[in-house]
Amino acid sequence: MKIAKHLTIHGRVQGVFFRESMCRKAHEFGVTGWVRNRGDGSVEAVVQGASEAVAAMLAWAQKGPERARVERTEISDANGDYAGFRRVDSL
């Protein structure tokens, strides 16, 4: 059964390869969805997949790549059906 979660990740998350790293992790964990930078300096994403894979992605997103400093992550349920995982344009 697939689930989907919407994330807003706050902290030092832009300019540290967060989106690229998230794309790599999404492929590694087998989740679909998207990720983008927001104008307020946060990163927004939707991840969809098996509950275990989504849980692994959420755990990773709360730390991010090595140079990131995640201060907090807002997580809520999401809708949609995604064929892959990709970066989209910033807001």
PDB file of N, CA and C in Angstrom:
ATOM      1  N   MET A   1       0.841  -1.186   0.000  1.00  0.00           N
ATOM      2  CA  MET A   1       0.000   0.000   0.000  1.00  0.00           C
ATOM      3  C   MET A   1       0.886   1.250   0.000  1.00  0.00           C
ATOM      4  N   LYS A   2       0.595   2.161  -0.920  1.00  0.00           N
ATOM      5  CA  LYS A   2       1.360   3.394  -1.009  1.00  0.00           C
ATOM      6  C   LYS A   2       0.797   4.454  -0.064  1.00  0.00           C
ATOM      7  N   ILE A   3       1.709   5.241   0.508  1.00  0.00           N
ATOM      8  CA  ILE A   3       1.314   6.419   1.267  1.00  0.00           C
ATOM      9  C   ILE A   3       2.086   7.600   0.706  1.00  0.00           C
ATOM     10  N   ALA A   4       1.610   8.803   0.982  1.00  0.00           N
ATOM     11  CA  ALA A   4       2.288  10.012   0.520  1.00  0.00           C
ATOM     12  C   ALA A   4       2.342  11.014   1.657  1.00  0.00           C
ATOM     13  N   LYS A   5       3.473  11.697   1.767  1.00  0.00           N
ATOM     14  CA  LYS A   5       3.682  12.711   2.796  1.00  0.00           C
ATOM     15  C   LYS A   5       4.215  13.990   2.173  1.00  0.00           C
ATOM     16  N   HIS A   6       3.746  15.111   2.685  1.00  0.00           N
ATOM     17  CA  HIS A   6       4.212  16.437   2.288  1.00  0.00           C
ATOM     18  C   HIS A   6       5.171  16.933   3.358  1.00  0.00           C
ATOM     19  N   LEU A   7       6.333  17.417   2.955  1.00  0.00           N
ATOM     20  CA  LEU A   7       7.355  17.887   3.889  1.00  0.00           C
ATOM     21  C   LEU A   7       7.702  19.339   3.599  1.00  0.00           C
ATOM     22  N   THR A   8       7.901  20.106   4.641  1.00  0.00           N
ATOM     23  CA  THR A   8       8.521  21.417   4.542  1.00  0.00           C
ATOM     24  C   THR A   8       9.689  21.392   5.514  1.00  0.00           C
ATOM     25  N   ILE A   9      10.887  21.571   4.971  1.00  0.00           N
ATOM     26  CA  ILE A   9      12.116  21.396   5.736  1.00  0.00           C
ATOM     27  C   ILE A   9      12.760  22.763   5.929  1.00  0.00           C
ATOM     28  N   HIS A  10      12.978  23.142   7.181  1.00  0.00           N
ATOM     29  CA  HIS A  10      13.506  24.464   7.524  1.00  0.00           C
ATOM     30  C   HIS A  10      14.930  24.342   8.062  1.00  0.00           C
ATOM     31  N   GLY A  11      15.695  25.390   7.878  1.00  0.00           N
ATOM     32  CA  GLY A  11      17.066  25.447   8.367  1.00  0.00           C
ATOM     33  C   GLY A  11      17.995  25.852   7.238  1.00  0.00           C
ATOM     34  N   ARG A  12      19.239  25.415   7.337  1.00  0.00           N
ATOM     35  CA  ARG A  12      20.199  25.668   6.256  1.00  0.00           C
ATOM     36  C   ARG A  12      20.070  24.508   5.279  1.00  0.00           C
ATOM     37  N   VAL A  13      19.121  24.655   4.355  1.00  0.00           N
ATOM     38  CA  VAL A  13      18.779  23.556   3.454  1.00  0.00           C
ATOM     39  C   VAL A  13      18.857  23.941   1.981  1.00  0.00           C
ATOM     40  N   GLN A  14      19.172  25.189   1.691  1.00  0.00           N
ATOM     41  CA  GLN A  14      19.389  25.598   0.309  1.00  0.00           C
ATOM     42  C   GLN A  14      20.863  25.908   0.124  1.00  0.00           C
ATOM     43  N   GLY A  15      21.382  25.582  -1.061  1.00  0.00           N
ATOM     44  CA  GLY A  15      22.786  25.806  -1.338  1.00  0.00           C
ATOM     45  C   GLY A  15      23.701  24.758  -0.744  1.00  0.00           C
ATOM     46  N   VAL A  16      23.145  23.640  -0.310  1.00  0.00           N
ATOM     47  CA  VAL A  16      23.936  22.557   0.307  1.00  0.00           C
ATOM     48  C   VAL A  16      23.659  21.213  -0.382  1.00  0.00           C
ATOM     49  N   PHE A  17      23.159  21.260  -1.613  1.00  0.00           N
ATOM     50  CA  PHE A  17      22.843  20.066  -2.408  1.00  0.00           C
ATOM     51  C   PHE A  17      21.736  19.219  -1.791  1.00  0.00           C
ATOM     52  N   PHE A  18      20.803  19.871  -1.072  1.00  0.00           N
ATOM     53  CA  PHE A  18      19.710  19.137  -0.435  1.00  0.00           C
ATOM     54  C   PHE A  18      18.829  18.461  -1.478  1.00  0.00           C
ATOM     55  N   ARG A  19      18.413  19.229  -2.508  1.00  0.00           N
ATOM     56  CA  ARG A  19      17.507  18.651  -3.507  1.00  0.00           C
ATOM     57  C   ARG A  19      18.160  17.504  -4.269  1.00  0.00           C
ATOM     58  N   GLU A  20      19.391  17.698  -4.698  1.00  0.00           N
ATOM     59  CA  GLU A  20      20.094  16.637  -5.430  1.00  0.00           C
ATOM     60  C   GLU A  20      20.266  15.398  -4.552  1.00  0.00           C
ATOM     61  N   SER A  21      20.652  15.608  -3.298  1.00  0.00           N
ATOM     62  CA  SER A  21      20.811  14.487  -2.370  1.00  0.00           C
ATOM     63  C   SER A  21      19.484  13.788  -2.125  1.00  0.00           C
ATOM     64  N   MET A  22      18.404  14.563  -2.040  1.00  0.00           N
ATOM     65  CA  MET A  22      17.090  13.970  -1.815  1.00  0.00           C
ATOM     66  C   MET A  22      16.672  13.132  -3.024  1.00  0.00           C
ATOM     67  N   CYS A  23      16.981  13.594  -4.218  1.00  0.00           N
ATOM     68  CA  CYS A  23      16.673  12.802  -5.415  1.00  0.00           C
ATOM     69  C   CYS A  23      17.415  11.472  -5.386  1.00  0.00           C
ATOM     70  N   ARG A  24      18.676  11.503  -5.022  1.00  0.00           N
ATOM     71  CA  ARG A  24      19.457  10.262  -4.946  1.00  0.00           C
ATOM     72  C   ARG A  24      18.885   9.310  -3.901  1.00  0.00           C
ATOM     73  N   LYS A  25      18.536   9.849  -2.733  1.00  0.00           N
ATOM     74  CA  LYS A  25      17.967   9.009  -1.673  1.00  0.00           C
ATOM     75  C   LYS A  25      16.615   8.449  -2.092  1.00  0.00           C
ATOM     76  N   ALA A  26      15.816   9.245  -2.783  1.00  0.00           N
ATOM     77  CA  ALA A  26      14.506   8.778  -3.243  1.00  0.00           C
ATOM     78  C   ALA A  26      14.667   7.574  -4.161  1.00  0.00           C
ATOM     79  N   HIS A  27      15.629   7.654  -5.073  1.00  0.00           N
ATOM     80  CA  HIS A  27      15.881   6.514  -5.961  1.00  0.00           C
ATOM     81  C   HIS A  27      16.386   5.313  -5.166  1.00  0.00           C
ATOM     82  N   GLU A  28      17.249   5.564  -4.190  1.00  0.00           N
ATOM     83  CA  GLU A  28      17.780   4.486  -3.344  1.00  0.00           C
ATOM     84  C   GLU A  28      16.667   3.793  -2.564  1.00  0.00           C
ATOM     85  N   PHE A  29      15.750   4.588  -1.997  1.00  0.00           N
ATOM     86  CA  PHE A  29      14.666   4.037  -1.179  1.00  0.00           C
ATOM     87  C   PHE A  29      13.455   3.587  -1.997  1.00  0.00           C
ATOM     88  N   GLY A  30      13.423   3.945  -3.286  1.00  0.00           N
ATOM     89  CA  GLY A  30      12.312   3.539  -4.142  1.00  0.00           C
ATOM     90  C   GLY A  30      11.047   4.337  -3.931  1.00  0.00           C
ATOM     91  N   VAL A  31      11.189   5.642  -3.617  1.00  0.00           N
ATOM     92  CA  VAL A  31      10.011   6.493  -3.467  1.00  0.00           C
ATOM     93  C   VAL A  31       9.878   7.419  -4.671  1.00  0.00           C
ATOM     94  N   THR A  32       8.672   7.908  -4.876  1.00  0.00           N
ATOM     95  CA  THR A  32       8.389   8.842  -5.956  1.00  0.00           C
ATOM     96  C   THR A  32       7.953  10.168  -5.354  1.00  0.00           C
ATOM     97  N   GLY A  33       7.822  11.198  -6.199  1.00  0.00           N
ATOM     98  CA  GLY A  33       7.373  12.511  -5.748  1.00  0.00           C
ATOM     99  C   GLY A  33       8.204  13.620  -6.349  1.00  0.00           C
ATOM    100  N   TRP A  34       8.401  14.678  -5.573  1.00  0.00           N
ATOM    101  CA  TRP A  34       9.142  15.838  -6.063  1.00  0.00           C
ATOM    102  C   TRP A  34       9.749  16.614  -4.903  1.00  0.00           C
ATOM    103  N   VAL A  35      10.692  17.508  -5.236  1.00  0.00           N
ATOM    104  CA  VAL A  35      11.329  18.381  -4.251  1.00  0.00           C
ATOM    105  C   VAL A  35      11.625  19.716  -4.916  1.00  0.00           C
ATOM    106  N   ARG A  36      11.488  20.808  -4.155  1.00  0.00           N
ATOM    107  CA  ARG A  36      11.800  22.136  -4.685  1.00  0.00           C
ATOM    108  C   ARG A  36      12.190  23.082  -3.561  1.00  0.00           C
ATOM    109  N   ASN A  37      12.956  24.110  -3.937  1.00  0.00           N
ATOM    110  CA  ASN A  37      13.274  25.201  -3.015  1.00  0.00           C
ATOM    111  C   ASN A  37      12.081  26.132  -2.932  1.00  0.00           C
ATOM    112  N   ARG A  38      11.894  26.734  -1.769  1.00  0.00           N
ATOM    113  CA  ARG A  38      10.847  27.744  -1.585  1.00  0.00           C
ATOM    114  C   ARG A  38      11.500  29.107  -1.387  1.00  0.00           C
ATOM    115  N   GLY A  39      10.761  30.139  -1.677  1.00  0.00           N
ATOM    116  CA  GLY A  39      11.271  31.492  -1.569  1.00  0.00           C
ATOM    117  C   GLY A  39      11.668  31.907  -0.166  1.00  0.00           C
ATOM    118  N   ASP A  40      11.143  31.234   0.854  1.00  0.00           N
ATOM    119  CA  ASP A  40      11.461  31.585   2.240  1.00  0.00           C
ATOM    120  C   ASP A  40      12.721  30.892   2.750  1.00  0.00           C
ATOM    121  N   GLY A  41      13.428  30.147   1.881  1.00  0.00           N
ATOM    122  CA  GLY A  41      14.652  29.461   2.284  1.00  0.00           C
ATOM    123  C   GLY A  41      14.459  28.018   2.695  1.00  0.00           C
ATOM    124  N   SER A  42      13.221  27.557   2.744  1.00  0.00           N
ATOM    125  CA  SER A  42      12.958  26.165   3.097  1.00  0.00           C
ATOM    126  C   SER A  42      12.956  25.298   1.838  1.00  0.00           C
ATOM    127  N   VAL A  43      12.865  24.006   2.031  1.00  0.00           N
ATOM    128  CA  VAL A  43      12.718  23.046   0.948  1.00  0.00           C
ATOM    129  C   VAL A  43      11.392  22.332   1.157  1.00  0.00           C
ATOM    130  N   GLU A  44      10.656  22.151   0.079  1.00  0.00           N
ATOM    131  CA  GLU A  44       9.349  21.487   0.125  1.00  0.00           C
ATOM    132  C   GLU A  44       9.419  20.218  -0.708  1.00  0.00           C
ATOM    133  N   ALA A  45       8.769  19.165  -0.261  1.00  0.00           N
ATOM    134  CA  ALA A  45       8.786  17.900  -0.998  1.00  0.00           C
ATOM    135  C   ALA A  45       7.520  17.100  -0.739  1.00  0.00           C
ATOM    136  N   VAL A  46       7.215  16.230  -1.677  1.00  0.00           N
ATOM    137  CA  VAL A  46       6.205  15.187  -1.480  1.00  0.00           C
ATOM    138  C   VAL A  46       6.900  13.875  -1.779  1.00  0.00           C
ATOM    139  N   VAL A  47       6.760  12.916  -0.873  1.00  0.00           N
ATOM    140  CA  VAL A  47       7.323  11.580  -1.080  1.00  0.00           C
ATOM    141  C   VAL A  47       6.206  10.558  -0.999  1.00  0.00           C
ATOM    142  N   GLN A  48       6.247   9.591  -1.908  1.00  0.00           N
ATOM    143  CA  GLN A  48       5.197   8.580  -1.993  1.00  0.00           C
ATOM    144  C   GLN A  48       5.830   7.212  -2.196  1.00  0.00           C
ATOM    145  N   GLY A  49       5.291   6.225  -1.541  1.00  0.00           N
ATOM    146  CA  GLY A  49       5.770   4.858  -1.722  1.00  0.00           C
ATOM    147  C   GLY A  49       5.283   3.969  -0.603  1.00  0.00           C
ATOM    148  N   ALA A  50       5.923   2.819  -0.476  1.00  0.00           N
ATOM    149  CA  ALA A  50       5.603   1.889   0.610  1.00  0.00           C
ATOM    150  C   ALA A  50       5.908   2.580   1.936  1.00  0.00           C
ATOM    151  N   SER A  51       5.145   2.252   2.970  1.00  0.00           N
ATOM    152  CA  SER A  51       5.285   2.950   4.247  1.00  0.00           C
ATOM    153  C   SER A  51       6.706   2.874   4.796  1.00  0.00           C
ATOM    154  N   GLU A  52       7.384   1.740   4.642  1.00  0.00           N
ATOM    155  CA  GLU A  52       8.755   1.614   5.146  1.00  0.00           C
ATOM    156  C   GLU A  52       9.711   2.530   4.386  1.00  0.00           C
ATOM    157  N   ALA A  53       9.529   2.622   3.067  1.00  0.00           N
ATOM    158  CA  ALA A  53      10.387   3.474   2.238  1.00  0.00           C
ATOM    159  C   ALA A  53      10.141   4.946   2.551  1.00  0.00           C
ATOM    160  N   VAL A  54       8.887   5.321   2.726  1.00  0.00           N
ATOM    161  CA  VAL A  54       8.561   6.706   3.072  1.00  0.00           C
ATOM    162  C   VAL A  54       9.136   7.034   4.452  1.00  0.00           C
ATOM    163  N   ALA A  55       9.017   6.125   5.391  1.00  0.00           N
ATOM    164  CA  ALA A  55       9.573   6.353   6.729  1.00  0.00           C
ATOM    165  C   ALA A  55      11.086   6.562   6.661  1.00  0.00           C
ATOM    166  N   ALA A  56      11.775   5.785   5.846  1.00  0.00           N
ATOM    167  CA  ALA A  56      13.221   5.949   5.683  1.00  0.00           C
ATOM    168  C   ALA A  56      13.544   7.306   5.076  1.00  0.00           C
ATOM    169  N   MET A  57      12.747   7.741   4.102  1.00  0.00           N
ATOM    170  CA  MET A  57      12.962   9.043   3.468  1.00  0.00           C
ATOM    171  C   MET A  57      12.712  10.173   4.462  1.00  0.00           C
ATOM    172  N   LEU A  58      11.679  10.048   5.277  1.00  0.00           N
ATOM    173  CA  LEU A  58      11.383  11.075   6.282  1.00  0.00           C
ATOM    174  C   LEU A  58      12.508  11.170   7.303  1.00  0.00           C
ATOM    175  N   ALA A  59      13.035  10.027   7.714  1.00  0.00           N
ATOM    176  CA  ALA A  59      14.154  10.031   8.667  1.00  0.00           C
ATOM    177  C   ALA A  59      15.374  10.713   8.053  1.00  0.00           C
ATOM    178  N   TRP A  60      15.655  10.428   6.794  1.00  0.00           N
ATOM    179  CA  TRP A  60      16.790  11.072   6.127  1.00  0.00           C
ATOM    180  C   TRP A  60      16.561  12.583   6.025  1.00  0.00           C
ATOM    181  N   ALA A  61      15.346  12.991   5.647  1.00  0.00           N
ATOM    182  CA  ALA A  61      15.041  14.414   5.444  1.00  0.00           C
ATOM    183  C   ALA A  61      15.196  15.226   6.722  1.00  0.00           C
ATOM    184  N   GLN A  62      15.064  14.611   7.867  1.00  0.00           N
ATOM    185  CA  GLN A  62      15.211  15.335   9.124  1.00  0.00           C
ATOM    186  C   GLN A  62      16.667  15.613   9.464  1.00  0.00           C
ATOM    187  N   LYS A  63      17.593  15.005   8.720  1.00  0.00           N
ATOM    188  CA  LYS A  63      19.029  15.294   8.850  1.00  0.00           C
ATOM    189  C   LYS A  63      19.558  15.945   7.583  1.00  0.00           C
ATOM    190  N   GLY A  64      19.186  15.413   6.431  1.00  0.00           N
ATOM    191  CA  GLY A  64      19.641  15.925   5.149  1.00  0.00           C
ATOM    192  C   GLY A  64      21.076  15.545   4.850  1.00  0.00           C
ATOM    193  N   PRO A  65      21.642  16.147   3.792  1.00  0.00           N
ATOM    194  CA  PRO A  65      23.029  15.856   3.432  1.00  0.00           C
ATOM    195  C   PRO A  65      23.998  16.462   4.443  1.00  0.00           C
ATOM    196  N   GLU A  66      25.242  16.106   4.303  1.00  0.00           N
ATOM    197  CA  GLU A  66      26.267  16.478   5.282  1.00  0.00           C
ATOM    198  C   GLU A  66      26.326  17.975   5.593  1.00  0.00           C
ATOM    199  N   ARG A  67      26.220  18.830   4.586  1.00  0.00           N
ATOM    200  CA  ARG A  67      26.373  20.274   4.803  1.00  0.00           C
ATOM    201  C   ARG A  67      25.095  20.967   5.279  1.00  0.00           C
ATOM    202  N   ALA A  68      23.985  20.257   5.299  1.00  0.00           N
ATOM    203  CA  ALA A  68      22.709  20.846   5.728  1.00  0.00           C
ATOM    204  C   ALA A  68      22.632  20.908   7.252  1.00  0.00           C
ATOM    205  N   ARG A  69      21.813  21.852   7.718  1.00  0.00           N
ATOM    206  CA  ARG A  69      21.476  21.927   9.144  1.00  0.00           C
ATOM    207  C   ARG A  69      19.960  22.059   9.243  1.00  0.00           C
ATOM    208  N   VAL A  70      19.299  20.943   9.399  1.00  0.00           N
ATOM    209  CA  VAL A  70      17.836  20.935   9.474  1.00  0.00           C
ATOM    210  C   VAL A  70      17.427  21.351  10.878  1.00  0.00           C
ATOM    211  N   GLU A  71      16.608  22.412  10.957  1.00  0.00           N
ATOM    212  CA  GLU A  71      16.116  22.893  12.244  1.00  0.00           C
ATOM    213  C   GLU A  71      14.798  22.242  12.613  1.00  0.00           C
ATOM    214  N   ARG A  72      13.919  22.110  11.631  1.00  0.00           N
ATOM    215  CA  ARG A  72      12.648  21.438  11.879  1.00  0.00           C
ATOM    216  C   ARG A  72      12.041  20.990  10.557  1.00  0.00           C
ATOM    217  N   THR A  73      11.199  19.971  10.641  1.00  0.00           N
ATOM    218  CA  THR A  73      10.529  19.434   9.461  1.00  0.00           C
ATOM    219  C   THR A  73       9.051  19.307   9.759  1.00  0.00           C
ATOM    220  N   GLU A  74       8.239  19.947   8.949  1.00  0.00           N
ATOM    221  CA  GLU A  74       6.787  19.830   9.057  1.00  0.00           C
ATOM    222  C   GLU A  74       6.349  18.707   8.122  1.00  0.00           C
ATOM    223  N   ILE A  75       5.547  17.777   8.626  1.00  0.00           N
ATOM    224  CA  ILE A  75       5.121  16.616   7.845  1.00  0.00           C
ATOM    225  C   ILE A  75       3.608  16.489   7.943  1.00  0.00           C
ATOM    226  N   SER A  76       2.967  16.323   6.785  1.00  0.00           N
ATOM    227  CA  SER A  76       1.523  16.097   6.752  1.00  0.00           C
ATOM    228  C   SER A  76       1.207  15.088   5.646  1.00  0.00           C
ATOM    229  N   ASP A  77      -0.014  14.577   5.651  1.00  0.00           N
ATOM    230  CA  ASP A  77      -0.438  13.652   4.610  1.00  0.00           C
ATOM    231  C   ASP A  77      -0.549  14.391   3.283  1.00  0.00           C
ATOM    232  N   ALA A  78      -0.341  13.674   2.190  1.00  0.00           N
ATOM    233  CA  ALA A  78      -0.411  14.261   0.847  1.00  0.00           C
ATOM    234  C   ALA A  78      -1.198  13.335  -0.067  1.00  0.00           C
ATOM    235  N   ASN A  79      -1.556  13.863  -1.216  1.00  0.00           N
ATOM    236  CA  ASN A  79      -2.258  13.116  -2.258  1.00  0.00           C
ATOM    237  C   ASN A  79      -1.440  13.180  -3.533  1.00  0.00           C
ATOM    238  N   GLY A  80      -1.792  12.337  -4.474  1.00  0.00           N
ATOM    239  CA  GLY A  80      -1.143  12.352  -5.772  1.00  0.00           C
ATOM    240  C   GLY A  80      -0.661  10.975  -6.154  1.00  0.00           C
ATOM    241  N   ASP A  81      -0.226  10.867  -7.390  1.00  0.00           N
ATOM    242  CA  ASP A  81       0.318   9.622  -7.892  1.00  0.00           C
ATOM    243  C   ASP A  81       1.486   9.989  -8.792  1.00  0.00           C
ATOM    244  N   TYR A  82       2.673   9.619  -8.417  1.00  0.00           N
ATOM    245  CA  TYR A  82       3.891  10.061  -9.080  1.00  0.00           C
ATOM    246  C   TYR A  82       4.617   8.877  -9.703  1.00  0.00           C
ATOM    247  N   ALA A  83       5.137   9.096 -10.911  1.00  0.00           N
ATOM    248  CA  ALA A  83       5.823   8.028 -11.642  1.00  0.00           C
ATOM    249  C   ALA A  83       7.302   7.951 -11.290  1.00  0.00           C
ATOM    250  N   GLY A  84       7.885   9.037 -10.829  1.00  0.00           N
ATOM    251  CA  GLY A  84       9.301   9.081 -10.496  1.00  0.00           C
ATOM    252  C   GLY A  84       9.526  10.137  -9.438  1.00  0.00           C
ATOM    253  N   PHE A  85      10.779  10.465  -9.186  1.00  0.00           N
ATOM    254  CA  PHE A  85      11.097  11.531  -8.242  1.00  0.00           C
ATOM    255  C   PHE A  85      11.922  12.571  -8.968  1.00  0.00           C
ATOM    256  N   ARG A  86      11.537  13.853  -8.848  1.00  0.00           N
ATOM    257  CA  ARG A  86      12.246  14.883  -9.595  1.00  0.00           C
ATOM    258  C   ARG A  86      12.287  16.200  -8.839  1.00  0.00           C
ATOM    259  N   ARG A  87      13.237  17.023  -9.245  1.00  0.00           N
ATOM    260  CA  ARG A  87      13.304  18.407  -8.761  1.00  0.00           C
ATOM    261  C   ARG A  87      12.386  19.246  -9.627  1.00  0.00           C
ATOM    262  N   VAL A  88      11.698  20.188  -9.014  1.00  0.00           N
ATOM    263  CA  VAL A  88      10.861  21.118  -9.775  1.00  0.00           C
ATOM    264  C   VAL A  88      11.319  22.533  -9.490  1.00  0.00           C
ATOM    265  N   ASP A  89      10.832  23.495 -10.292  1.00  0.00           N
ATOM    266  CA  ASP A  89      11.251  24.888 -10.132  1.00  0.00           C
ATOM    267  C   ASP A  89      10.918  25.426  -8.754  1.00  0.00           C
ATOM    268  N   SER A  90      11.731  26.368  -8.316  1.00  0.00           N
ATOM    269  CA  SER A  90      11.509  27.037  -7.020  1.00  0.00           C
ATOM    270  C   SER A  90      10.241  27.862  -7.065  1.00  0.00           C
ATOM    271  N   LEU A  91       9.710  28.130  -5.877  1.00  0.00           N
ATOM    272  CA  LEU A  91       8.545  29.029  -5.763  1.00  0.00           C
ATOM    273  C   LEU A  91       9.001  30.460  -5.813  1.00  0.00           C
TER     274      LEU A  91
END
